[in-house]
């Protein structure tokens, strides 16, 4: 029986710590689970900043990733792209992560799990955004960071 929900699953994360730190930790977990991850960033400056961070953040942890500017990014487990780059076939990825600085007009034809990050401002905005996306029949889970890397689901 079809419940009327779309295939798209959206996890909204309202963060207090730096996005780069969170995405490093999250991508490390996704990599260990062998999930292909696409990280969408607002622009090439943000892309370059995250790319550099992922290479130098922890000396004893290697997190394989490439950017869309790399010529053969096809089978890499983690790909960084920005709104300024060419379009990517998102169906090749298991997870799509959007940085807090990415503006999303609509979710067209996406049937994946999406992690949306936004910097926390107040509980009211969190609840309002969850209700708004749920009203469009998306499967939505909302989390607020309480302490470093600790989450409360609302």
C-alpha atoms as a PDB file:
ATOM      1  CA  UNK A   1       0.000   0.000   0.000  1.00  0.00           C
ATOM      2  CA  UNK A   2       1.370   3.411  -0.952  1.00  0.00           C
ATOM      3  CA  UNK A   3       1.311   5.833   1.968  1.00  0.00           C
ATOM      4  CA  UNK A   4       1.682   8.825  -0.333  1.00  0.00           C
ATOM      5  CA  UNK A   5       5.256   9.543   0.778  1.00  0.00           C
ATOM      6  CA  UNK A   6       7.878  10.280  -1.826  1.00  0.00           C
ATOM      7  CA  UNK A   7      10.993   8.126  -2.063  1.00  0.00           C
ATOM      8  CA  UNK A   8      13.221  10.963  -0.922  1.00  0.00           C
ATOM      9  CA  UNK A   9      14.429  10.825   2.674  1.00  0.00           C
ATOM     10  CA  UNK A  10      15.633  14.091   4.171  1.00  0.00           C
ATOM     11  CA  UNK A  11      17.637  14.381   7.364  1.00  0.00           C
ATOM     12  CA  UNK A  12      17.830  17.986   8.571  1.00  0.00           C
ATOM     13  CA  UNK A  13      20.794  18.652  10.832  1.00  0.00           C
ATOM     14  CA  UNK A  14      20.951  21.915  12.752  1.00  0.00           C
ATOM     15  CA  UNK A  15      24.570  22.307  13.735  1.00  0.00           C
ATOM     16  CA  UNK A  16      26.541  24.387  16.205  1.00  0.00           C
ATOM     17  CA  UNK A  17      30.055  23.150  15.395  1.00  0.00           C
ATOM     18  CA  UNK A  18      31.932  23.743  12.175  1.00  0.00           C
ATOM     19  CA  UNK A  19      30.492  21.977   9.111  1.00  0.00           C
ATOM     20  CA  UNK A  20      33.932  20.780   7.991  1.00  0.00           C
ATOM     21  CA  UNK A  21      34.492  18.890  11.248  1.00  0.00           C
ATOM     22  CA  UNK A  22      31.074  17.279  11.082  1.00  0.00           C
ATOM     23  CA  UNK A  23      31.365  16.293   7.443  1.00  0.00           C
ATOM     24  CA  UNK A  24      34.765  14.700   8.082  1.00  0.00           C
ATOM     25  CA  UNK A  25      33.348  12.557  10.880  1.00  0.00           C
ATOM     26  CA  UNK A  26      30.186  11.701   8.925  1.00  0.00           C
ATOM     27  CA  UNK A  27      32.016  10.860   5.699  1.00  0.00           C
ATOM     28  CA  UNK A  28      34.425   8.626   7.561  1.00  0.00           C
ATOM     29  CA  UNK A  29      31.443   6.610   8.852  1.00  0.00           C
ATOM     30  CA  UNK A  30      29.794   6.521   5.410  1.00  0.00           C
ATOM     31  CA  UNK A  31      33.075   5.427   3.814  1.00  0.00           C
ATOM     32  CA  UNK A  32      33.424   2.536   6.279  1.00  0.00           C
ATOM     33  CA  UNK A  33      29.866   1.483   5.340  1.00  0.00           C
ATOM     34  CA  UNK A  34      30.909   1.605   1.648  1.00  0.00           C
ATOM     35  CA  UNK A  35      28.305   4.249   0.777  1.00  0.00           C
ATOM     36  CA  UNK A  36      29.068   6.534  -2.178  1.00  0.00           C
ATOM     37  CA  UNK A  37      28.667  10.118  -1.038  1.00  0.00           C
ATOM     38  CA  UNK A  38      28.193  13.348  -2.970  1.00  0.00           C
ATOM     39  CA  UNK A  39      28.882  16.582  -1.087  1.00  0.00           C
ATOM     40  CA  UNK A  40      27.275  19.662  -2.641  1.00  0.00           C
ATOM     41  CA  UNK A  41      28.897  22.958  -1.713  1.00  0.00           C
ATOM     42  CA  UNK A  42      27.790  26.517  -2.428  1.00  0.00           C
ATOM     43  CA  UNK A  43      30.727  27.587  -4.597  1.00  0.00           C
ATOM     44  CA  UNK A  44      34.259  26.714  -5.668  1.00  0.00           C
ATOM     45  CA  UNK A  45      35.785  28.585  -2.733  1.00  0.00           C
ATOM     46  CA  UNK A  46      33.896  26.394  -0.263  1.00  0.00           C
ATOM     47  CA  UNK A  47      34.819  23.336  -2.355  1.00  0.00           C
ATOM     48  CA  UNK A  48      38.539  24.190  -2.239  1.00  0.00           C
ATOM     49  CA  UNK A  49      38.383  24.859   1.490  1.00  0.00           C
ATOM     50  CA  UNK A  50      36.702  21.524   2.292  1.00  0.00           C
ATOM     51  CA  UNK A  51      38.966  19.648  -0.136  1.00  0.00           C
ATOM     52  CA  UNK A  52      42.070  20.967   1.607  1.00  0.00           C
ATOM     53  CA  UNK A  53      40.581  20.313   5.049  1.00  0.00           C
ATOM     54  CA  UNK A  54      39.777  16.672   4.221  1.00  0.00           C
ATOM     55  CA  UNK A  55      43.359  16.076   3.083  1.00  0.00           C
ATOM     56  CA  UNK A  56      45.088  17.586   6.113  1.00  0.00           C
ATOM     57  CA  UNK A  57      42.599  17.325   8.997  1.00  0.00           C
ATOM     58  CA  UNK A  58      43.849  14.079  10.565  1.00  0.00           C
ATOM     59  CA  UNK A  59      47.245  12.689   9.785  1.00  0.00           C
ATOM     60  CA  UNK A  60      46.371   9.113  10.813  1.00  0.00           C
ATOM     61  CA  UNK A  61      43.022   8.888   8.960  1.00  0.00           C
ATOM     62  CA  UNK A  62      42.889   8.792   5.186  1.00  0.00           C
ATOM     63  CA  UNK A  63      39.531   9.826   3.759  1.00  0.00           C
ATOM     64  CA  UNK A  64      39.583   9.198  -0.004  1.00  0.00           C
ATOM     65  CA  UNK A  65      37.795  11.913  -1.918  1.00  0.00           C
ATOM     66  CA  UNK A  66      38.018  13.840  -5.149  1.00  0.00           C
ATOM     67  CA  UNK A  67      36.464  16.961  -6.606  1.00  0.00           C
ATOM     68  CA  UNK A  68      34.610  17.294  -9.901  1.00  0.00           C
ATOM     69  CA  UNK A  69      37.709  18.999 -11.264  1.00  0.00           C
ATOM     70  CA  UNK A  70      39.652  15.745 -10.970  1.00  0.00           C
ATOM     71  CA  UNK A  71      39.583  14.020 -14.345  1.00  0.00           C
ATOM     72  CA  UNK A  72      38.616  10.536 -13.192  1.00  0.00           C
ATOM     73  CA  UNK A  73      36.301  10.888 -10.219  1.00  0.00           C
ATOM     74  CA  UNK A  74      33.950   8.125 -11.396  1.00  0.00           C
ATOM     75  CA  UNK A  75      34.432   5.369  -8.806  1.00  0.00           C
ATOM     76  CA  UNK A  76      35.670   7.453  -5.918  1.00  0.00           C
ATOM     77  CA  UNK A  77      33.612   6.945  -2.727  1.00  0.00           C
ATOM     78  CA  UNK A  78      33.374  10.674  -1.895  1.00  0.00           C
ATOM     79  CA  UNK A  79      32.944  13.447  -4.441  1.00  0.00           C
ATOM     80  CA  UNK A  80      32.915  17.189  -3.755  1.00  0.00           C
ATOM     81  CA  UNK A  81      31.030  19.458  -6.124  1.00  0.00           C
ATOM     82  CA  UNK A  82      29.556  22.941  -6.082  1.00  0.00           C
ATOM     83  CA  UNK A  83      26.667  24.763  -7.687  1.00  0.00           C
ATOM     84  CA  UNK A  84      29.241  26.346 -10.009  1.00  0.00           C
ATOM     85  CA  UNK A  85      30.290  22.995 -11.485  1.00  0.00           C
ATOM     86  CA  UNK A  86      28.782  20.828 -14.185  1.00  0.00           C
ATOM     87  CA  UNK A  87      25.825  18.688 -13.292  1.00  0.00           C
ATOM     88  CA  UNK A  88      26.483  15.295 -11.733  1.00  0.00           C
ATOM     89  CA  UNK A  89      24.439  12.117 -12.109  1.00  0.00           C
ATOM     90  CA  UNK A  90      23.252  11.905  -8.520  1.00  0.00           C
ATOM     91  CA  UNK A  91      21.753   8.457  -9.066  1.00  0.00           C
ATOM     92  CA  UNK A  92      25.292   7.043  -8.799  1.00  0.00           C
ATOM     93  CA  UNK A  93      25.464   8.093  -5.142  1.00  0.00           C
ATOM     94  CA  UNK A  94      23.873   6.594  -2.035  1.00  0.00           C
ATOM     95  CA  UNK A  95      23.965   9.766   0.063  1.00  0.00           C
ATOM     96  CA  UNK A  96      23.874  13.447  -0.864  1.00  0.00           C
ATOM     97  CA  UNK A  97      25.135  16.001   1.659  1.00  0.00           C
ATOM     98  CA  UNK A  98      24.340  19.707   1.289  1.00  0.00           C
ATOM     99  CA  UNK A  99      26.473  22.262   3.108  1.00  0.00           C
ATOM    100  CA  UNK A 100      24.728  24.962   5.159  1.00  0.00           C
ATOM    101  CA  UNK A 101      25.606  27.534   2.480  1.00  0.00           C
ATOM    102  CA  UNK A 102      23.863  25.768  -0.414  1.00  0.00           C
ATOM    103  CA  UNK A 103      20.562  27.274  -1.508  1.00  0.00           C
ATOM    104  CA  UNK A 104      18.114  24.598  -2.697  1.00  0.00           C
ATOM    105  CA  UNK A 105      15.179  25.673  -4.851  1.00  0.00           C
ATOM    106  CA  UNK A 106      13.562  22.245  -5.096  1.00  0.00           C
ATOM    107  CA  UNK A 107      14.350  18.547  -4.968  1.00  0.00           C
ATOM    108  CA  UNK A 108      13.709  17.423  -8.518  1.00  0.00           C
ATOM    109  CA  UNK A 109      13.760  13.706  -9.263  1.00  0.00           C
ATOM    110  CA  UNK A 110      15.974  12.873  -6.312  1.00  0.00           C
ATOM    111  CA  UNK A 111      15.283   9.446  -4.852  1.00  0.00           C
ATOM    112  CA  UNK A 112      18.168   9.265  -2.422  1.00  0.00           C
ATOM    113  CA  UNK A 113      18.844   9.987   1.205  1.00  0.00           C
ATOM    114  CA  UNK A 114      19.774  13.625   1.671  1.00  0.00           C
ATOM    115  CA  UNK A 115      21.560  15.178   4.630  1.00  0.00           C
ATOM    116  CA  UNK A 116      20.869  18.918   4.848  1.00  0.00           C
ATOM    117  CA  UNK A 117      22.975  20.973   7.221  1.00  0.00           C
ATOM    118  CA  UNK A 118      22.055  24.364   8.580  1.00  0.00           C
ATOM    119  CA  UNK A 119      23.535  26.411  11.383  1.00  0.00           C
ATOM    120  CA  UNK A 120      21.228  26.437  14.395  1.00  0.00           C
ATOM    121  CA  UNK A 121      19.428  29.702  15.131  1.00  0.00           C
ATOM    122  CA  UNK A 122      16.346  28.703  17.140  1.00  0.00           C
ATOM    123  CA  UNK A 123      13.986  25.778  17.732  1.00  0.00           C
ATOM    124  CA  UNK A 124      11.131  27.527  15.909  1.00  0.00           C
ATOM    125  CA  UNK A 125      12.927  27.503  12.560  1.00  0.00           C
ATOM    126  CA  UNK A 126      13.782  23.823  12.961  1.00  0.00           C
ATOM    127  CA  UNK A 127      10.179  22.828  13.545  1.00  0.00           C
ATOM    128  CA  UNK A 128       8.879  25.129  10.779  1.00  0.00           C
ATOM    129  CA  UNK A 129      11.253  23.633   8.187  1.00  0.00           C
ATOM    130  CA  UNK A 130      10.381  20.079   9.222  1.00  0.00           C
ATOM    131  CA  UNK A 131       6.649  20.781   8.869  1.00  0.00           C
ATOM    132  CA  UNK A 132       7.174  22.482   5.512  1.00  0.00           C
ATOM    133  CA  UNK A 133       9.086  19.544   4.007  1.00  0.00           C
ATOM    134  CA  UNK A 134       6.763  16.970   5.580  1.00  0.00           C
ATOM    135  CA  UNK A 135       3.769  18.731   4.018  1.00  0.00           C
ATOM    136  CA  UNK A 136       5.343  18.016   0.613  1.00  0.00           C
ATOM    137  CA  UNK A 137       5.206  14.302   1.501  1.00  0.00           C
ATOM    138  CA  UNK A 138       8.940  13.872   2.056  1.00  0.00           C
ATOM    139  CA  UNK A 139      10.179  11.516   4.773  1.00  0.00           C
ATOM    140  CA  UNK A 140      11.811  14.001   7.147  1.00  0.00           C
ATOM    141  CA  UNK A 141      13.884  13.554  10.296  1.00  0.00           C
ATOM    142  CA  UNK A 142      15.198  16.594  12.137  1.00  0.00           C
ATOM    143  CA  UNK A 143      18.164  16.680  14.497  1.00  0.00           C
ATOM    144  CA  UNK A 144      19.610  19.492  16.606  1.00  0.00           C
ATOM    145  CA  UNK A 145      23.197  19.326  17.793  1.00  0.00           C
ATOM    146  CA  UNK A 146      23.187  19.591  21.583  1.00  0.00           C
ATOM    147  CA  UNK A 147      26.921  19.223  22.241  1.00  0.00           C
ATOM    148  CA  UNK A 148      29.849  18.369  20.012  1.00  0.00           C
ATOM    149  CA  UNK A 149      28.592  15.521  17.827  1.00  0.00           C
ATOM    150  CA  UNK A 150      25.591  14.753  20.067  1.00  0.00           C
ATOM    151  CA  UNK A 151      22.105  15.006  18.572  1.00  0.00           C
ATOM    152  CA  UNK A 152      18.530  15.433  19.738  1.00  0.00           C
ATOM    153  CA  UNK A 153      15.797  14.349  17.316  1.00  0.00           C
ATOM    154  CA  UNK A 154      12.746  16.609  17.167  1.00  0.00           C
END
